[in-house]
PDB file of N, CA and C in Angstrom:
ATOM      1  N   MET A   1     -62.004  -7.158 -38.116  1.00  0.00           N
ATOM      2  CA  MET A   1     -62.334  -5.965 -37.169  1.00  0.00           C
ATOM      3  C   MET A   1     -61.759  -4.856 -37.871  1.00  0.00           C
ATOM      4  N   GLY A   2     -62.214  -4.006 -38.063  1.00  0.00           N
ATOM      5  CA  GLY A   2     -61.803  -2.647 -39.081  1.00  0.00           C
ATOM      6  C   GLY A   2     -60.787  -1.871 -37.839  1.00  0.00           C
ATOM      7  N   PHE A   3     -60.218  -0.912 -38.637  1.00  0.00           N
ATOM      8  CA  PHE A   3     -59.111  -0.128 -37.985  1.00  0.00           C
ATOM      9  C   PHE A   3     -59.816   0.685 -36.678  1.00  0.00           C
ATOM     10  N   PHE A   4     -61.356   1.500 -37.131  1.00  0.00           N
ATOM     11  CA  PHE A   4     -61.971   2.361 -35.875  1.00  0.00           C
ATOM     12  C   PHE A   4     -62.874   1.565 -34.959  1.00  0.00           C
ATOM     13  N   SER A   5     -62.526   0.206 -35.363  1.00  0.00           N
ATOM     14  CA  SER A   5     -63.727  -1.105 -34.327  1.00  0.00           C
ATOM     15  C   SER A   5     -62.859  -0.928 -33.165  1.00  0.00           C
ATOM     16  N   ILE A   6     -61.900  -0.567 -32.597  1.00  0.00           N
ATOM     17  CA  ILE A   6     -61.519  -0.204 -30.841  1.00  0.00           C
ATOM     18  C   ILE A   6     -62.014   1.102 -30.166  1.00  0.00           C
ATOM     19  N   PHE A   7     -62.389   1.983 -31.420  1.00  0.00           N
ATOM     20  CA  PHE A   7     -63.652   3.423 -30.897  1.00  0.00           C
ATOM     21  C   PHE A   7     -64.587   2.944 -30.248  1.00  0.00           C
ATOM     22  N   LYS A   8     -65.160   1.672 -30.409  1.00  0.00           N
ATOM     23  CA  LYS A   8     -66.185   0.973 -29.879  1.00  0.00           C
ATOM     24  C   LYS A   8     -66.758   0.500 -28.936  1.00  0.00           C
ATOM     25  N   THR A   9     -65.249  -0.186 -28.310  1.00  0.00           N
ATOM     26  CA  THR A   9     -65.120  -1.218 -27.390  1.00  0.00           C
ATOM     27  C   THR A   9     -64.871  -0.494 -25.966  1.00  0.00           C
ATOM     28  N   PRO A  10     -65.470  -1.701 -25.230  1.00  0.00           N
ATOM     29  CA  PRO A  10     -64.722  -0.935 -23.363  1.00  0.00           C
ATOM     30  C   PRO A  10     -63.561  -0.507 -23.273  1.00  0.00           C
ATOM     31  N   VAL A  11     -62.884  -0.955 -24.277  1.00  0.00           N
ATOM     32  CA  VAL A  11     -61.040   0.001 -23.955  1.00  0.00           C
ATOM     33  C   VAL A  11     -61.554   1.536 -24.073  1.00  0.00           C
ATOM     34  N   ASN A  12     -61.915   1.507 -25.563  1.00  0.00           N
ATOM     35  CA  ASN A  12     -62.275   3.223 -25.180  1.00  0.00           C
ATOM     36  C   ASN A  12     -62.847   4.085 -23.899  1.00  0.00           C
ATOM     37  N   GLU A  13     -64.015   2.931 -23.513  1.00  0.00           N
ATOM     38  CA  GLU A  13     -64.456   3.562 -22.661  1.00  0.00           C
ATOM     39  C   GLU A  13     -64.188   3.661 -21.581  1.00  0.00           C
ATOM     40  N   THR A  14     -62.877   3.034 -21.029  1.00  0.00           N
ATOM     41  CA  THR A  14     -62.477   3.175 -20.063  1.00  0.00           C
ATOM     42  C   THR A  14     -61.435   3.823 -20.186  1.00  0.00           C
ATOM     43  N   LEU A  15     -60.743   3.715 -21.155  1.00  0.00           N
ATOM     44  CA  LEU A  15     -59.733   5.268 -21.730  1.00  0.00           C
ATOM     45  C   LEU A  15     -60.582   6.673 -21.745  1.00  0.00           C
ATOM     46  N   SER A  16     -61.721   6.893 -22.149  1.00  0.00           N
ATOM     47  CA  SER A  16     -62.384   7.476 -21.608  1.00  0.00           C
ATOM     48  C   SER A  16     -62.638   8.395 -20.381  1.00  0.00           C
ATOM     49  N   SER A  17     -63.037   7.359 -19.623  1.00  0.00           N
ATOM     50  CA  SER A  17     -63.632   7.575 -18.243  1.00  0.00           C
ATOM     51  C   SER A  17     -62.497   8.167 -17.685  1.00  0.00           C
ATOM     52  N   ILE A  18     -61.089   7.917 -18.411  1.00  0.00           N
ATOM     53  CA  ILE A  18     -59.918   8.071 -17.545  1.00  0.00           C
ATOM     54  C   ILE A  18     -59.168   9.351 -17.746  1.00  0.00           C
ATOM     55  N   CYS A  19     -59.235   9.691 -19.053  1.00  0.00           N
ATOM     56  CA  CYS A  19     -58.900  11.052 -19.829  1.00  0.00           C
ATOM     57  C   CYS A  19     -60.079  12.072 -19.408  1.00  0.00           C
ATOM     58  N   SER A  20     -61.174  11.962 -19.342  1.00  0.00           N
ATOM     59  CA  SER A  20     -61.843  12.736 -18.698  1.00  0.00           C
ATOM     60  C   SER A  20     -62.012  13.440 -17.298  1.00  0.00           C
ATOM     61  N   ALA A  21     -61.146  12.459 -16.818  1.00  0.00           N
ATOM     62  CA  ALA A  21     -61.071  13.234 -15.102  1.00  0.00           C
ATOM     63  C   ALA A  21     -60.028  14.551 -15.415  1.00  0.00           C
ATOM     64  N   TYR A  22     -58.741  13.427 -16.073  1.00  0.00           N
ATOM     65  CA  TYR A  22     -57.160  14.374 -16.410  1.00  0.00           C
ATOM     66  C   TYR A  22     -57.810  15.913 -16.867  1.00  0.00           C
ATOM     67  N   LYS A  23     -59.427  15.848 -18.095  1.00  0.00           N
ATOM     68  CA  LYS A  23     -59.656  16.846 -18.582  1.00  0.00           C
ATOM     69  C   LYS A  23     -60.381  18.106 -17.990  1.00  0.00           C
ATOM     70  N   ASN A  24     -61.247  17.449 -17.187  1.00  0.00           N
ATOM     71  CA  ASN A  24     -62.119  17.845 -16.568  1.00  0.00           C
ATOM     72  C   ASN A  24     -61.284  18.707 -15.761  1.00  0.00           C
ATOM     73  N   LYS A  25     -60.334  18.441 -14.955  1.00  0.00           N
ATOM     74  CA  LYS A  25     -59.556  19.158 -13.620  1.00  0.00           C
ATOM     75  C   LYS A  25     -58.710  20.139 -14.268  1.00  0.00           C
ATOM     76  N   LEU A  26     -58.050  19.942 -15.689  1.00  0.00           N
ATOM     77  CA  LEU A  26     -57.063  20.555 -16.306  1.00  0.00           C
ATOM     78  C   LEU A  26     -58.048  21.963 -16.868  1.00  0.00           C
ATOM     79  N   MET A  27     -59.147  21.672 -17.191  1.00  0.00           N
ATOM     80  CA  MET A  27     -59.919  22.634 -17.436  1.00  0.00           C
ATOM     81  C   MET A  27     -60.589  23.872 -16.385  1.00  0.00           C
ATOM     82  N   ALA A  28     -60.274  22.611 -14.780  1.00  0.00           N
ATOM     83  CA  ALA A  28     -61.342  23.664 -14.290  1.00  0.00           C
ATOM     84  C   ALA A  28     -59.821  24.659 -13.439  1.00  0.00           C
ATOM     85  N   THR A  29     -58.850  23.892 -13.127  1.00  0.00           N
ATOM     86  CA  THR A  29     -57.423  24.554 -12.843  1.00  0.00           C
ATOM     87  C   THR A  29     -56.211  25.095 -13.200  1.00  0.00           C
ATOM     88  N   GLY A  30     -55.852  24.334 -14.910  1.00  0.00           N
ATOM     89  CA  GLY A  30     -55.128  24.658 -15.273  1.00  0.00           C
ATOM     90  C   GLY A  30     -54.001  24.293 -15.349  1.00  0.00           C
ATOM     91  N   ASP A  31     -53.738  23.135 -14.386  1.00  0.00           N
ATOM     92  CA  ASP A  31     -52.871  22.404 -13.535  1.00  0.00           C
ATOM     93  C   ASP A  31     -52.693  20.993 -13.909  1.00  0.00           C
ATOM     94  N   SER A  32     -51.814  20.693 -14.998  1.00  0.00           N
ATOM     95  CA  SER A  32     -51.584  19.445 -15.501  1.00  0.00           C
ATOM     96  C   SER A  32     -51.231  18.370 -13.746  1.00  0.00           C
ATOM     97  N   LYS A  33     -50.438  18.874 -12.802  1.00  0.00           N
ATOM     98  CA  LYS A  33     -50.047  18.186 -11.992  1.00  0.00           C
ATOM     99  C   LYS A  33     -51.224  17.439 -11.377  1.00  0.00           C
ATOM    100  N   LYS A  34     -52.348  18.487 -11.053  1.00  0.00           N
ATOM    101  CA  LYS A  34     -53.772  18.114 -10.500  1.00  0.00           C
ATOM    102  C   LYS A  34     -54.555  17.320 -10.932  1.00  0.00           C
ATOM    103  N   ALA A  35     -54.231  17.418 -12.009  1.00  0.00           N
ATOM    104  CA  ALA A  35     -55.093  16.697 -13.249  1.00  0.00           C
ATOM    105  C   ALA A  35     -54.468  15.679 -13.292  1.00  0.00           C
ATOM    106  N   PHE A  36     -53.727  15.795 -13.284  1.00  0.00           N
ATOM    107  CA  PHE A  36     -52.689  14.194 -13.409  1.00  0.00           C
ATOM    108  C   PHE A  36     -52.593  12.921 -12.030  1.00  0.00           C
ATOM    109  N   VAL A  37     -53.421  13.881 -10.929  1.00  0.00           N
ATOM    110  CA  VAL A  37     -53.593  12.944 -10.124  1.00  0.00           C
ATOM    111  C   VAL A  37     -54.961  12.761  -9.706  1.00  0.00           C
ATOM    112  N   ASP A  38     -56.122  13.559 -10.125  1.00  0.00           N
ATOM    113  CA  ASP A  38     -57.089  13.081 -10.358  1.00  0.00           C
ATOM    114  C   ASP A  38     -57.038  11.731 -11.625  1.00  0.00           C
ATOM    115  N   MET A  39     -56.293  12.335 -12.334  1.00  0.00           N
ATOM    116  CA  MET A  39     -56.418  10.764 -13.842  1.00  0.00           C
ATOM    117  C   MET A  39     -55.976   9.557 -13.338  1.00  0.00           C
ATOM    118  N   ALA A  40     -54.979   9.322 -12.204  1.00  0.00           N
ATOM    119  CA  ALA A  40     -54.438   8.467 -11.482  1.00  0.00           C
ATOM    120  C   ALA A  40     -55.774   7.879 -10.654  1.00  0.00           C
ATOM    121  N   ASN A  41     -56.562   8.706  -9.920  1.00  0.00           N
ATOM    122  CA  ASN A  41     -57.451   7.922  -8.773  1.00  0.00           C
ATOM    123  C   ASN A  41     -58.782   7.670  -9.848  1.00  0.00           C
ATOM    124  N   GLU A  42     -58.638   8.055 -11.427  1.00  0.00           N
ATOM    125  CA  GLU A  42     -59.588   7.330 -11.591  1.00  0.00           C
ATOM    126  C   GLU A  42     -59.476   5.840 -12.372  1.00  0.00           C
ATOM    127  N   ALA A  43     -57.827   6.195 -13.033  1.00  0.00           N
ATOM    128  CA  ALA A  43     -57.603   4.529 -13.104  1.00  0.00           C
ATOM    129  C   ALA A  43     -57.629   3.640 -12.135  1.00  0.00           C
ATOM    130  N   TYR A  44     -56.894   4.291 -11.302  1.00  0.00           N
ATOM    131  CA  TYR A  44     -57.554   3.456 -10.113  1.00  0.00           C
ATOM    132  C   TYR A  44     -58.723   2.743  -9.676  1.00  0.00           C
ATOM    133  N   ASN A  45     -59.695   3.325  -9.695  1.00  0.00           N
ATOM    134  CA  ASN A  45     -61.187   3.353  -9.811  1.00  0.00           C
ATOM    135  C   ASN A  45     -61.063   2.214 -11.150  1.00  0.00           C
ATOM    136  N   GLN A  46     -60.752   2.777 -12.299  1.00  0.00           N
ATOM    137  CA  GLN A  46     -60.809   1.740 -13.021  1.00  0.00           C
ATOM    138  C   GLN A  46     -60.441   0.076 -13.182  1.00  0.00           C
ATOM    139  N   LEU A  47     -59.409   0.585 -12.332  1.00  0.00           N
ATOM    140  CA  LEU A  47     -58.676  -1.022 -11.934  1.00  0.00           C
ATOM    141  C   LEU A  47     -59.392  -1.763 -11.004  1.00  0.00           C
ATOM    142  N   LYS A  48     -60.175  -1.345 -10.059  1.00  0.00           N
ATOM    143  CA  LYS A  48     -60.877  -2.286  -9.180  1.00  0.00           C
ATOM    144  C   LYS A  48     -62.303  -2.668  -9.873  1.00  0.00           C
ATOM    145  N   LYS A  49     -62.111  -1.805 -10.921  1.00  0.00           N
ATOM    146  CA  LYS A  49     -63.949  -2.210 -11.259  1.00  0.00           C
ATOM    147  C   LYS A  49     -63.316  -3.489 -12.016  1.00  0.00           C
ATOM    148  N   ASN A  50     -62.265  -3.762 -12.940  1.00  0.00           N
ATOM    149  CA  ASN A  50     -61.980  -4.522 -13.816  1.00  0.00           C
ATOM    150  C   ASN A  50     -61.148  -5.981 -12.862  1.00  0.00           C
ATOM    151  N   ASN A  51     -61.247  -5.581 -11.964  1.00  0.00           N
ATOM    152  CA  ASN A  51     -60.888  -6.558 -10.636  1.00  0.00           C
ATOM    153  C   ASN A  51     -59.151  -6.869 -11.202  1.00  0.00           C
ATOM    154  N   ARG A  52     -58.649  -5.792 -11.471  1.00  0.00           N
ATOM    155  CA  ARG A  52     -57.455  -5.543 -11.388  1.00  0.00           C
ATOM    156  C   ARG A  52     -56.275  -4.721 -10.470  1.00  0.00           C
ATOM    157  N   SER A  53     -56.904  -4.596  -9.476  1.00  0.00           N
ATOM    158  CA  SER A  53     -55.815  -3.692  -8.836  1.00  0.00           C
ATOM    159  C   SER A  53     -55.252  -5.101  -7.546  1.00  0.00           C
ATOM    160  N   ASN A  54     -54.089  -4.652  -7.788  1.00  0.00           N
ATOM    161  CA  ASN A  54     -52.662  -4.906  -6.364  1.00  0.00           C
ATOM    162  C   ASN A  54     -51.859  -3.774  -5.732  1.00  0.00           C
ATOM    163  N   PHE A  55     -52.658  -2.800  -6.439  1.00  0.00           N
ATOM    164  CA  PHE A  55     -51.923  -1.931  -5.356  1.00  0.00           C
ATOM    165  C   PHE A  55     -52.628  -0.862  -4.860  1.00  0.00           C
ATOM    166  N   SER A  56     -51.847  -0.412  -3.730  1.00  0.00           N
ATOM    167  CA  SER A  56     -52.567   0.141  -2.542  1.00  0.00           C
ATOM    168  C   SER A  56     -53.244   1.469  -2.644  1.00  0.00           C
ATOM    169  N   SER A  57     -52.682   2.484  -3.781  1.00  0.00           N
ATOM    170  CA  SER A  57     -52.875   3.390  -3.975  1.00  0.00           C
ATOM    171  C   SER A  57     -52.849   4.102  -5.426  1.00  0.00           C
ATOM    172  N   PRO A  58     -53.721   5.188  -6.046  1.00  0.00           N
ATOM    173  CA  PRO A  58     -53.567   5.544  -7.243  1.00  0.00           C
ATOM    174  C   PRO A  58     -52.047   6.413  -7.232  1.00  0.00           C
ATOM    175  N   THR A  59     -51.185   6.458  -6.111  1.00  0.00           N
ATOM    176  CA  THR A  59     -49.998   7.284  -6.080  1.00  0.00           C
ATOM    177  C   THR A  59     -49.204   5.874  -6.530  1.00  0.00           C
ATOM    178  N   ASP A  60     -49.493   4.499  -5.622  1.00  0.00           N
ATOM    179  CA  ASP A  60     -48.833   3.155  -6.091  1.00  0.00           C
ATOM    180  C   ASP A  60     -48.692   3.019  -7.313  1.00  0.00           C
ATOM    181  N   THR A  61     -49.904   2.924  -8.358  1.00  0.00           N
ATOM    182  CA  THR A  61     -50.333   2.675  -9.750  1.00  0.00           C
ATOM    183  C   THR A  61     -49.194   3.808 -10.430  1.00  0.00           C
ATOM    184  N   TYR A  62     -49.380   5.137  -9.886  1.00  0.00           N
ATOM    185  CA  TYR A  62     -48.383   5.508 -10.971  1.00  0.00           C
ATOM    186  C   TYR A  62     -46.584   5.252 -10.685  1.00  0.00           C
ATOM    187  N   LYS A  63     -46.315   4.959  -9.323  1.00  0.00           N
ATOM    188  CA  LYS A  63     -44.662   5.042  -9.341  1.00  0.00           C
ATOM    189  C   LYS A  63     -44.395   3.910  -9.864  1.00  0.00           C
ATOM    190  N   MET A  64     -45.320   2.799 -10.002  1.00  0.00           N
ATOM    191  CA  MET A  64     -44.958   1.494 -10.553  1.00  0.00           C
ATOM    192  C   MET A  64     -45.125   1.486 -12.007  1.00  0.00           C
ATOM    193  N   LEU A  65     -45.764   2.307 -12.555  1.00  0.00           N
ATOM    194  CA  LEU A  65     -46.201   2.352 -14.128  1.00  0.00           C
ATOM    195  C   LEU A  65     -45.144   3.189 -14.974  1.00  0.00           C
ATOM    196  N   SER A  66     -44.504   4.055 -13.906  1.00  0.00           N
ATOM    197  CA  SER A  66     -43.747   5.100 -14.233  1.00  0.00           C
ATOM    198  C   SER A  66     -42.307   5.126 -13.979  1.00  0.00           C
ATOM    199  N   GLY A  67     -42.742   4.837 -12.935  1.00  0.00           N
ATOM    200  CA  GLY A  67     -41.210   5.200 -12.102  1.00  0.00           C
ATOM    201  C   GLY A  67     -40.639   6.576 -11.510  1.00  0.00           C
ATOM    202  N   LYS A  68     -41.754   6.990 -11.671  1.00  0.00           N
ATOM    203  CA  LYS A  68     -41.726   8.654 -11.255  1.00  0.00           C
ATOM    204  C   LYS A  68     -42.590   9.165 -10.070  1.00  0.00           C
ATOM    205  N   GLU A  69     -42.907   9.705  -9.228  1.00  0.00           N
ATOM    206  CA  GLU A  69     -43.625  10.421  -8.385  1.00  0.00           C
ATOM    207  C   GLU A  69     -44.643  12.082  -8.850  1.00  0.00           C
ATOM    208  N   PHE A  70     -45.608  11.953  -8.511  1.00  0.00           N
ATOM    209  CA  PHE A  70     -46.247  13.258  -8.834  1.00  0.00           C
ATOM    210  C   PHE A  70     -45.761  14.145  -9.040  1.00  0.00           C
ATOM    211  N   LYS A  71     -45.397  14.495  -7.448  1.00  0.00           N
ATOM    212  CA  LYS A  71     -44.598  15.781  -7.176  1.00  0.00           C
ATOM    213  C   LYS A  71     -42.825  16.074  -8.585  1.00  0.00           C
ATOM    214  N   ASP A  72     -42.591  15.089  -9.195  1.00  0.00           N
ATOM    215  CA  ASP A  72     -41.771  15.098 -10.521  1.00  0.00           C
ATOM    216  C   ASP A  72     -42.645  15.815 -11.892  1.00  0.00           C
ATOM    217  N   LEU A  73     -44.188  15.752 -11.719  1.00  0.00           N
ATOM    218  CA  LEU A  73     -44.915  16.562 -12.785  1.00  0.00           C
ATOM    219  C   LEU A  73     -44.423  18.318 -12.742  1.00  0.00           C
ATOM    220  N   SER A  74     -44.716  19.182 -14.334  1.00  0.00           N
ATOM    221  CA  SER A  74     -44.957  19.981 -14.114  1.00  0.00           C
ATOM    222  C   SER A  74     -46.552  20.580 -14.532  1.00  0.00           C
ATOM    223  N   LYS A  75     -46.465  21.635 -13.850  1.00  0.00           N
ATOM    224  CA  LYS A  75     -48.119  21.998 -14.110  1.00  0.00           C
ATOM    225  C   LYS A  75     -48.514  22.366 -15.524  1.00  0.00           C
ATOM    226  N   ASP A  76     -47.401  22.321 -16.651  1.00  0.00           N
ATOM    227  CA  ASP A  76     -48.017  22.804 -17.835  1.00  0.00           C
ATOM    228  C   ASP A  76     -48.401  21.017 -18.528  1.00  0.00           C
ATOM    229  N   HIS A  77     -49.116  21.224 -19.538  1.00  0.00           N
ATOM    230  CA  HIS A  77     -50.090  20.046 -19.969  1.00  0.00           C
ATOM    231  C   HIS A  77     -48.995  19.996 -20.857  1.00  0.00           C
ATOM    232  N   ALA A  78     -48.282  20.146 -21.891  1.00  0.00           N
ATOM    233  CA  ALA A  78     -47.297  20.103 -22.770  1.00  0.00           C
ATOM    234  C   ALA A  78     -45.979  19.173 -22.475  1.00  0.00           C
ATOM    235  N   LYS A  79     -45.838  19.869 -21.243  1.00  0.00           N
ATOM    236  CA  LYS A  79     -44.173  19.064 -20.395  1.00  0.00           C
ATOM    237  C   LYS A  79     -44.622  17.942 -20.119  1.00  0.00           C
ATOM    238  N   ASN A  80     -46.040  17.463 -19.652  1.00  0.00           N
ATOM    239  CA  ASN A  80     -46.449  16.169 -18.924  1.00  0.00           C
ATOM    240  C   ASN A  80     -47.134  15.523 -20.038  1.00  0.00           C
ATOM    241  N   LYS A  81     -47.156  15.784 -21.567  1.00  0.00           N
ATOM    242  CA  LYS A  81     -47.845  14.846 -22.286  1.00  0.00           C
ATOM    243  C   LYS A  81     -47.255  13.641 -22.649  1.00  0.00           C
ATOM    244  N   GLU A  82     -46.089  13.745 -22.802  1.00  0.00           N
ATOM    245  CA  GLU A  82     -45.013  12.356 -23.120  1.00  0.00           C
ATOM    246  C   GLU A  82     -45.487  11.254 -21.380  1.00  0.00           C
ATOM    247  N   HIS A  83     -45.551  11.879 -20.080  1.00  0.00           N
ATOM    248  CA  HIS A  83     -45.945  10.701 -19.020  1.00  0.00           C
ATOM    249  C   HIS A  83     -47.462  10.302 -19.276  1.00  0.00           C
ATOM    250  N   LEU A  84     -47.878  11.664 -19.417  1.00  0.00           N
ATOM    251  CA  LEU A  84     -49.664  11.549 -19.793  1.00  0.00           C
ATOM    252  C   LEU A  84     -49.696  10.256 -20.929  1.00  0.00           C
ATOM    253  N   GLN A  85     -48.949  10.048 -21.549  1.00  0.00           N
ATOM    254  CA  GLN A  85     -49.153   8.586 -23.334  1.00  0.00           C
ATOM    255  C   GLN A  85     -48.414   7.523 -22.313  1.00  0.00           C
ATOM    256  N   TYR A  86     -46.972   7.706 -21.373  1.00  0.00           N
ATOM    257  CA  TYR A  86     -46.933   6.820 -21.411  1.00  0.00           C
ATOM    258  C   TYR A  86     -47.526   6.129 -20.235  1.00  0.00           C
ATOM    259  N   TYR A  87     -48.358   6.445 -19.589  1.00  0.00           N
ATOM    260  CA  TYR A  87     -49.034   6.188 -18.043  1.00  0.00           C
ATOM    261  C   TYR A  87     -50.287   5.273 -18.478  1.00  0.00           C
ATOM    262  N   LEU A  88     -51.020   6.290 -19.405  1.00  0.00           N
ATOM    263  CA  LEU A  88     -52.254   5.621 -20.153  1.00  0.00           C
ATOM    264  C   LEU A  88     -52.050   4.276 -21.248  1.00  0.00           C
ATOM    265  N   PHE A  89     -50.711   4.265 -21.620  1.00  0.00           N
ATOM    266  CA  PHE A  89     -50.718   3.519 -22.433  1.00  0.00           C
ATOM    267  C   PHE A  89     -50.513   1.901 -21.484  1.00  0.00           C
ATOM    268  N   ASN A  90     -49.528   1.972 -20.539  1.00  0.00           N
ATOM    269  CA  ASN A  90     -48.929   0.974 -19.555  1.00  0.00           C
ATOM    270  C   ASN A  90     -50.655   0.859 -18.442  1.00  0.00           C
ATOM    271  N   MET A  91     -51.078   1.749 -18.003  1.00  0.00           N
ATOM    272  CA  MET A  91     -51.781   1.031 -17.514  1.00  0.00           C
ATOM    273  C   MET A  91     -53.734   0.549 -17.846  1.00  0.00           C
ATOM    274  N   MET A  92     -53.361   1.307 -19.669  1.00  0.00           N
ATOM    275  CA  MET A  92     -54.212   0.314 -20.406  1.00  0.00           C
ATOM    276  C   MET A  92     -54.264  -1.463 -20.588  1.00  0.00           C
ATOM    277  N   MET A  93     -52.878  -1.147 -20.586  1.00  0.00           N
ATOM    278  CA  MET A  93     -52.213  -3.343 -20.896  1.00  0.00           C
ATOM    279  C   MET A  93     -52.425  -3.498 -19.829  1.00  0.00           C
ATOM    280  N   TYR A  94     -52.431  -2.990 -18.406  1.00  0.00           N
ATOM    281  CA  TYR A  94     -52.731  -3.549 -17.441  1.00  0.00           C
ATOM    282  C   TYR A  94     -54.392  -4.001 -17.338  1.00  0.00           C
ATOM    283  N   ILE A  95     -55.092  -2.660 -17.221  1.00  0.00           N
ATOM    284  CA  ILE A  95     -56.319  -2.891 -16.930  1.00  0.00           C
ATOM    285  C   ILE A  95     -56.873  -3.929 -17.879  1.00  0.00           C
ATOM    286  N   ARG A  96     -56.477  -4.104 -18.860  1.00  0.00           N
ATOM    287  CA  ARG A  96     -57.256  -4.657 -20.108  1.00  0.00           C
ATOM    288  C   ARG A  96     -56.743  -5.988 -20.872  1.00  0.00           C
ATOM    289  N   PRO A  97     -55.414  -6.853 -20.223  1.00  0.00           N
ATOM    290  CA  PRO A  97     -54.581  -7.690 -20.656  1.00  0.00           C
ATOM    291  C   PRO A  97     -55.456  -9.120 -21.470  1.00  0.00           C
ATOM    292  N   ASP A  98     -56.707  -8.949 -21.165  1.00  0.00           N
ATOM    293  CA  ASP A  98     -57.062 -10.150 -21.755  1.00  0.00           C
ATOM    294  C   ASP A  98     -57.982  -9.190 -23.046  1.00  0.00           C
ATOM    295  N   TYR A  99     -57.710  -8.069 -23.475  1.00  0.00           N
ATOM    296  CA  TYR A  99     -57.467  -7.273 -24.926  1.00  0.00           C
ATOM    297  C   TYR A  99     -56.205  -7.330 -26.003  1.00  0.00           C
ATOM    298  N   TYR A 100     -54.959  -7.383 -24.468  1.00  0.00           N
ATOM    299  CA  TYR A 100     -54.368  -7.022 -25.091  1.00  0.00           C
ATOM    300  C   TYR A 100     -52.928  -7.520 -24.791  1.00  0.00           C
ATOM    301  N   LYS A 101     -52.676  -8.940 -24.617  1.00  0.00           N
ATOM    302  CA  LYS A 101     -52.037  -9.923 -24.143  1.00  0.00           C
ATOM    303  C   LYS A 101     -52.322 -10.707 -25.424  1.00  0.00           C
ATOM    304  N   PRO A 102     -52.064 -11.637 -26.241  1.00  0.00           N
ATOM    305  CA  PRO A 102     -50.859 -11.650 -25.918  1.00  0.00           C
ATOM    306  C   PRO A 102     -50.133 -10.403 -26.923  1.00  0.00           C
ATOM    307  N   GLU A 103     -49.273  -9.875 -26.921  1.00  0.00           N
ATOM    308  CA  GLU A 103     -48.905  -8.669 -27.504  1.00  0.00           C
ATOM    309  C   GLU A 103     -49.157  -8.652 -28.942  1.00  0.00           C
ATOM    310  N   ASP A 104     -49.212  -7.518 -29.794  1.00  0.00           N
ATOM    311  CA  ASP A 104     -49.914  -7.604 -31.254  1.00  0.00           C
ATOM    312  C   ASP A 104     -49.888  -6.100 -31.400  1.00  0.00           C
ATOM    313  N   TYR A 105     -48.943  -6.200 -32.418  1.00  0.00           N
ATOM    314  CA  TYR A 105     -48.644  -4.695 -32.797  1.00  0.00           C
ATOM    315  C   TYR A 105     -49.718  -4.186 -33.491  1.00  0.00           C
ATOM    316  N   SER A 106     -50.357  -4.515 -33.812  1.00  0.00           N
ATOM    317  CA  SER A 106     -51.605  -3.519 -34.581  1.00  0.00           C
ATOM    318  C   SER A 106     -52.263  -2.932 -33.469  1.00  0.00           C
ATOM    319  N   LYS A 107     -52.905  -3.640 -31.954  1.00  0.00           N
ATOM    320  CA  LYS A 107     -53.398  -3.385 -31.539  1.00  0.00           C
ATOM    321  C   LYS A 107     -52.527  -2.275 -30.414  1.00  0.00           C
ATOM    322  N   ASN A 108     -51.294  -2.238 -30.032  1.00  0.00           N
ATOM    323  CA  ASN A 108     -50.745  -1.836 -29.312  1.00  0.00           C
ATOM    324  C   ASN A 108     -50.906   0.182 -30.359  1.00  0.00           C
ATOM    325  N   GLU A 109     -50.860  -0.380 -31.276  1.00  0.00           N
ATOM    326  CA  GLU A 109     -50.809   0.888 -32.353  1.00  0.00           C
ATOM    327  C   GLU A 109     -51.991   1.472 -32.174  1.00  0.00           C
ATOM    328  N   ARG A 110     -53.027   0.811 -32.379  1.00  0.00           N
ATOM    329  CA  ARG A 110     -54.093   1.575 -32.155  1.00  0.00           C
ATOM    330  C   ARG A 110     -55.054   2.099 -30.936  1.00  0.00           C
ATOM    331  N   LEU A 111     -53.626   1.450 -29.638  1.00  0.00           N
ATOM    332  CA  LEU A 111     -54.038   2.245 -28.219  1.00  0.00           C
ATOM    333  C   LEU A 111     -52.930   2.972 -28.254  1.00  0.00           C
ATOM    334  N   LYS A 112     -52.213   3.538 -28.902  1.00  0.00           N
ATOM    335  CA  LYS A 112     -51.084   4.707 -28.932  1.00  0.00           C
ATOM    336  C   LYS A 112     -52.213   5.839 -29.630  1.00  0.00           C
ATOM    337  N   ILE A 113     -52.978   5.808 -30.645  1.00  0.00           N
ATOM    338  CA  ILE A 113     -53.756   6.439 -31.687  1.00  0.00           C
ATOM    339  C   ILE A 113     -54.966   7.303 -31.171  1.00  0.00           C
ATOM    340  N   LEU A 114     -55.544   6.202 -30.053  1.00  0.00           N
ATOM    341  CA  LEU A 114     -56.624   6.379 -29.125  1.00  0.00           C
ATOM    342  C   LEU A 114     -56.665   7.272 -27.991  1.00  0.00           C
ATOM    343  N   ILE A 115     -55.184   6.995 -27.520  1.00  0.00           N
ATOM    344  CA  ILE A 115     -54.748   7.693 -26.512  1.00  0.00           C
ATOM    345  C   ILE A 115     -54.696   8.968 -26.797  1.00  0.00           C
ATOM    346  N   ASP A 116     -54.003   9.059 -27.769  1.00  0.00           N
ATOM    347  CA  ASP A 116     -53.482  10.575 -28.526  1.00  0.00           C
ATOM    348  C   ASP A 116     -54.658  11.254 -28.444  1.00  0.00           C
ATOM    349  N   THR A 117     -56.002  10.480 -29.338  1.00  0.00           N
ATOM    350  CA  THR A 117     -57.014  11.157 -29.821  1.00  0.00           C
ATOM    351  C   THR A 117     -57.988  11.913 -28.174  1.00  0.00           C
ATOM    352  N   ASN A 118     -57.653  11.050 -27.164  1.00  0.00           N
ATOM    353  CA  ASN A 118     -58.547  11.536 -25.986  1.00  0.00           C
ATOM    354  C   ASN A 118     -57.497  12.440 -25.260  1.00  0.00           C
ATOM    355  N   LEU A 119     -56.384  12.495 -25.401  1.00  0.00           N
ATOM    356  CA  LEU A 119     -55.298  13.497 -24.761  1.00  0.00           C
ATOM    357  C   LEU A 119     -55.931  14.778 -24.981  1.00  0.00           C
ATOM    358  N   ASN A 120     -55.596  15.276 -27.039  1.00  0.00           N
ATOM    359  CA  ASN A 120     -55.941  16.011 -27.613  1.00  0.00           C
ATOM    360  C   ASN A 120     -57.295  16.918 -27.662  1.00  0.00           C
ATOM    361  N   TYR A 121     -57.179  17.874 -27.338  1.00  0.00           N
ATOM    362  CA  TYR A 121     -58.257  18.556 -27.405  1.00  0.00           C
ATOM    363  C   TYR A 121     -58.356  20.146 -27.373  1.00  0.00           C
TER     364      TYR A 121
END
């Protein structure tokens, strides 16, 4: 399995779908906080799609995976970027435990690169 093979997997499709929700709202409103909420909604949909939802709402997923609430976020994308990365990393680990468990350092590093690739535009 080559380094870039992760970019051709369902993992990337799932992450891309989640990040697209964020980017589309960010481009439309310029408000990272609102975009983050849309992203969390899409992540929640992906949880359900992958039969992984044990949460009652997107807000619960964000609070559980980050320890914060949406109101704690900034409207500025750059200020939220670390929160975005942390949330997405944990969400992908939760959505796709079949791919990320047991822990594999190389897969985790590829996921971090994939997240950065999807968030930079």
